[in-house]
Amino acid sequence: TVYNGVSFDNFIYNPQAKKEIRDELRLNESSKLILAVGSFNKAKNYFNLLMSIKHLKACSSIPFTLIIAGDGELRLEVENFIQELDLSKNVILLGNRSDISKLMSSCDVFVLSSDYEGLPTVLIEALACQANVVSTDVSGAREIIGSYGKIVPIRQSQSLAKAIEVTLLTDQKNILGCQYAKSKFDINIISDKWLKIYYEK
């Protein structure tokens, strides 16, 4: 298998990001930051993520804030669901952002809650920013994450909540995951593989 290549030029860990994002959002320094990125559509299943956040709030003493970067046709439904679950103080919808790498560098956990994906390059990008990742078991997730993150069944919010909680307890950045992602998906490495196949006789 030859995977799609990713350019990592714009996805580099920024050690200042954590403080800068918390200052921007006026978050307490002790509050853990959970990040999700993607369009507000059916495939991303943010309703599953929000249910997991509801479980996490009920079962854990860890202070946290979930931030979601993105927009889309289900934005209003997501906003209403946040109100319904009484999560207004725990969730911030950022809308579309141009500093995704900075957000990924700042987070304590990056979460993908999708029901289905092709190759979720957002996981590769998050790893490149040394994020600790949790993902549902969508196509491509296992190949991307390897042993450097947690994978849970799709549409199981309690399992997702538990994986997020365990990952929030990790104080170290995911340096090994970053190295793994770059060694496997860097566009230069992938290009060399394609050229080797192209010139084979």
Protein backbone atom coordinates (compact mmCIF):
# COMPACT_ATOMS: atom_id res chain seq x y z
CA THR A 1 0.00 0.00 0.00
CA VAL A 2 1.20 3.49 -0.88
CA TYR A 3 -0.63 6.11 1.17
CA ASN A 4 -1.52 9.67 0.26
CA GLY A 5 1.36 11.96 1.10
CA VAL A 6 1.06 14.93 3.44
CA SER A 7 3.13 18.11 3.40
CA PHE A 8 4.18 18.91 6.94
CA ASP A 9 5.44 22.41 6.17
CA ASN A 10 2.43 23.99 7.89
CA PHE A 11 2.03 21.36 10.62
CA ILE A 12 4.85 21.83 13.07
CA TYR A 13 4.64 21.78 16.86
CA ASN A 14 4.49 25.26 18.35
CA PRO A 15 5.56 25.31 22.02
CA GLN A 16 3.98 28.75 22.56
CA ALA A 17 0.57 27.70 21.26
CA LYS A 18 -0.81 26.35 24.52
CA LYS A 19 -0.47 29.64 26.37
CA GLU A 20 -1.54 31.75 23.39
CA ILE A 21 -4.75 29.81 22.74
CA ARG A 22 -5.68 29.73 26.42
CA ASP A 23 -5.10 33.46 26.66
CA GLU A 24 -7.21 34.07 23.54
CA LEU A 25 -10.10 31.99 24.85
CA ARG A 26 -9.65 33.21 28.45
CA LEU A 27 -9.32 29.69 29.77
CA ASN A 28 -8.00 28.80 33.20
CA GLU A 29 -4.44 27.51 33.03
CA SER A 30 -5.46 24.33 34.84
CA SER A 31 -8.21 23.54 32.30
CA LYS A 32 -7.35 20.74 29.89
CA LEU A 33 -8.00 21.46 26.23
CA ILE A 34 -9.80 18.97 23.98
CA LEU A 35 -9.82 19.76 20.27
CA ALA A 36 -11.89 18.56 17.32
CA VAL A 37 -11.51 19.85 13.75
CA GLY A 38 -13.80 19.38 10.79
CA SER A 39 -17.02 20.30 9.03
CA PHE A 40 -20.32 20.13 10.86
CA ASN A 41 -21.74 17.25 8.86
CA LYS A 42 -23.20 13.81 9.44
CA ALA A 43 -19.93 11.93 8.89
CA LYS A 44 -18.10 13.78 11.69
CA ASN A 45 -20.81 12.85 14.23
CA TYR A 46 -20.21 15.70 16.66
CA PHE A 47 -23.31 14.50 18.51
CA ASN A 48 -21.35 11.39 19.53
CA LEU A 49 -18.49 13.62 20.69
CA LEU A 50 -20.81 15.85 22.70
CA MET A 51 -22.40 12.83 24.36
CA SER A 52 -18.92 11.67 25.35
CA ILE A 53 -18.21 15.12 26.79
CA LYS A 54 -21.42 14.85 28.80
CA HIS A 55 -20.20 11.50 30.20
CA LEU A 56 -16.78 12.97 30.91
CA LYS A 57 -18.27 15.92 32.77
CA ALA A 58 -20.40 13.59 34.90
CA CYS A 59 -17.72 11.02 35.69
CA SER A 60 -14.43 12.91 35.88
CA SER A 61 -13.03 15.62 38.12
CA ILE A 62 -10.61 16.81 35.43
CA PRO A 63 -11.34 20.43 34.42
CA PHE A 64 -11.59 20.69 30.64
CA THR A 65 -12.89 22.65 27.69
CA LEU A 66 -13.78 21.20 24.29
CA ILE A 67 -13.09 23.47 21.33
CA ILE A 68 -14.32 22.66 17.83
CA ALA A 69 -12.87 24.34 14.75
CA GLY A 70 -15.09 24.20 11.69
CA ASP A 71 -18.52 25.03 10.36
CA GLY A 72 -21.23 23.48 8.22
CA GLU A 73 -24.85 22.63 7.65
CA LEU A 74 -25.37 21.02 11.06
CA ARG A 75 -24.04 23.98 13.05
CA LEU A 76 -27.45 24.96 14.44
CA GLU A 77 -28.26 21.37 15.43
CA VAL A 78 -24.91 21.10 17.21
CA GLU A 79 -25.53 24.38 19.04
CA ASN A 80 -28.95 23.18 20.15
CA PHE A 81 -27.52 19.85 21.32
CA ILE A 82 -24.92 21.66 23.40
CA GLN A 83 -27.73 23.55 25.13
CA GLU A 84 -29.77 20.38 25.57
CA LEU A 85 -26.86 18.61 27.27
CA ASP A 86 -26.08 21.66 29.45
CA LEU A 87 -22.55 21.92 28.08
CA SER A 88 -22.44 25.62 27.25
CA LYS A 89 -19.70 26.22 29.82
CA ASN A 90 -17.63 23.29 28.53
CA VAL A 91 -17.74 23.71 24.76
CA ILE A 92 -16.54 26.54 22.50
CA LEU A 93 -17.37 26.57 18.79
CA LEU A 94 -14.59 28.47 17.04
CA GLY A 95 -15.99 28.49 13.52
CA ASN A 96 -13.53 28.28 10.63
CA ARG A 97 -9.91 28.95 11.62
CA SER A 98 -6.72 29.51 9.65
CA ASP A 99 -4.42 28.45 12.54
CA ILE A 100 -5.26 24.74 12.80
CA SER A 101 -1.63 23.81 13.43
CA LYS A 102 -1.53 26.20 16.38
CA LEU A 103 -4.73 24.72 17.79
CA MET A 104 -3.35 21.20 17.40
CA SER A 105 -0.14 22.19 19.16
CA SER A 106 -2.11 23.71 22.03
CA CYS A 107 -4.46 20.84 22.82
CA ASP A 108 -4.09 18.15 25.46
CA VAL A 109 -6.19 15.73 23.40
CA PHE A 110 -7.17 15.76 19.74
CA VAL A 111 -10.40 13.85 19.05
CA LEU A 112 -11.87 12.45 15.85
CA SER A 113 -15.43 11.22 16.47
CA SER A 114 -16.39 10.35 12.89
CA ASP A 115 -18.62 7.51 11.73
CA TYR A 116 -16.75 7.19 8.46
CA GLU A 117 -13.73 8.68 6.69
CA GLY A 118 -11.49 8.02 3.70
CA LEU A 119 -7.97 8.56 4.97
CA PRO A 120 -8.41 11.00 7.87
CA THR A 121 -5.42 13.25 7.20
CA VAL A 122 -6.47 15.44 10.11
CA LEU A 123 -5.10 12.69 12.39
CA ILE A 124 -1.77 12.80 10.56
CA GLU A 125 -1.66 16.57 10.94
CA ALA A 126 -2.52 16.36 14.65
CA LEU A 127 0.26 13.83 15.23
CA ALA A 128 2.69 16.06 13.36
CA CYS A 129 1.86 18.76 15.94
CA GLN A 130 2.66 16.26 18.72
CA ALA A 131 -0.97 15.97 19.80
CA ASN A 132 -2.17 13.00 21.84
CA VAL A 133 -4.97 11.58 19.72
CA VAL A 134 -8.19 9.64 20.28
CA SER A 135 -10.18 8.41 17.30
CA THR A 136 -13.15 6.28 16.46
CA ASP A 137 -12.31 3.15 14.48
CA VAL A 138 -12.85 4.68 11.07
CA SER A 139 -11.09 3.66 7.88
CA GLY A 140 -7.43 4.60 8.00
CA ALA A 141 -7.27 5.43 11.71
CA ARG A 142 -5.32 2.32 12.70
CA GLU A 143 -2.80 2.82 9.90
CA ILE A 144 -2.26 6.43 10.93
CA ILE A 145 -2.18 6.13 14.71
CA GLY A 146 -0.43 2.78 15.12
CA SER A 147 0.36 2.42 18.82
CA TYR A 148 0.62 6.18 19.38
CA GLY A 149 -2.98 6.97 20.29
CA LYS A 150 -6.28 5.40 21.28
CA ILE A 151 -8.97 3.98 19.02
CA VAL A 152 -12.54 3.25 20.14
CA PRO A 153 -15.60 1.82 18.35
CA ILE A 154 -17.74 4.28 16.40
CA ARG A 155 -20.92 5.65 18.00
CA GLN A 156 -19.96 4.53 21.51
CA SER A 157 -19.80 7.75 23.46
CA GLN A 158 -18.95 6.16 26.81
CA SER A 159 -15.92 4.41 25.33
CA LEU A 160 -14.89 7.65 23.69
CA ALA A 161 -15.25 9.50 26.99
CA LYS A 162 -13.08 6.97 28.80
CA ALA A 163 -10.36 7.16 26.15
CA ILE A 164 -10.39 10.96 26.34
CA GLU A 165 -10.20 10.88 30.14
CA VAL A 166 -7.22 8.50 30.15
CA THR A 167 -5.45 10.58 27.52
CA LEU A 168 -6.05 13.80 29.46
CA LEU A 169 -3.90 12.33 32.23
CA THR A 170 -0.92 12.28 29.86
CA ASP A 171 1.30 15.29 30.49
CA GLN A 172 3.83 14.57 27.74
CA LYS A 173 3.52 15.65 24.12
CA ASN A 174 3.26 12.85 21.56
CA ILE A 175 6.79 13.10 20.17
CA LEU A 176 6.98 9.45 19.11
CA GLY A 177 3.62 9.71 17.35
CA CYS A 178 4.91 12.73 15.49
CA GLN A 179 8.01 10.86 14.34
CA TYR A 180 5.90 7.86 13.30
CA ALA A 181 3.47 9.96 11.23
CA LYS A 182 6.25 11.81 9.46
CA SER A 183 8.16 8.63 8.66
CA LYS A 184 5.06 7.05 7.14
CA PHE A 185 3.20 9.89 5.41
CA ASP A 186 5.70 12.61 4.51
CA ILE A 187 5.01 13.74 0.95
CA ASN A 188 8.68 13.41 0.00
CA ILE A 189 8.82 9.79 1.14
CA ILE A 190 5.54 8.97 -0.58
CA SER A 191 6.67 10.68 -3.79
CA ASP A 192 9.81 8.55 -3.86
CA LYS A 193 7.69 5.41 -3.51
CA TRP A 194 5.45 6.43 -6.40
CA LEU A 195 8.44 7.25 -8.58
CA LYS A 196 10.02 3.91 -7.78
CA ILE A 197 6.83 2.13 -8.88
CA TYR A 198 6.53 4.32 -11.98
CA TYR A 199 10.05 3.54 -13.16
CA GLU A 200 9.93 -0.18 -12.41
CA LYS A 201 10.46 -2.37 -15.48
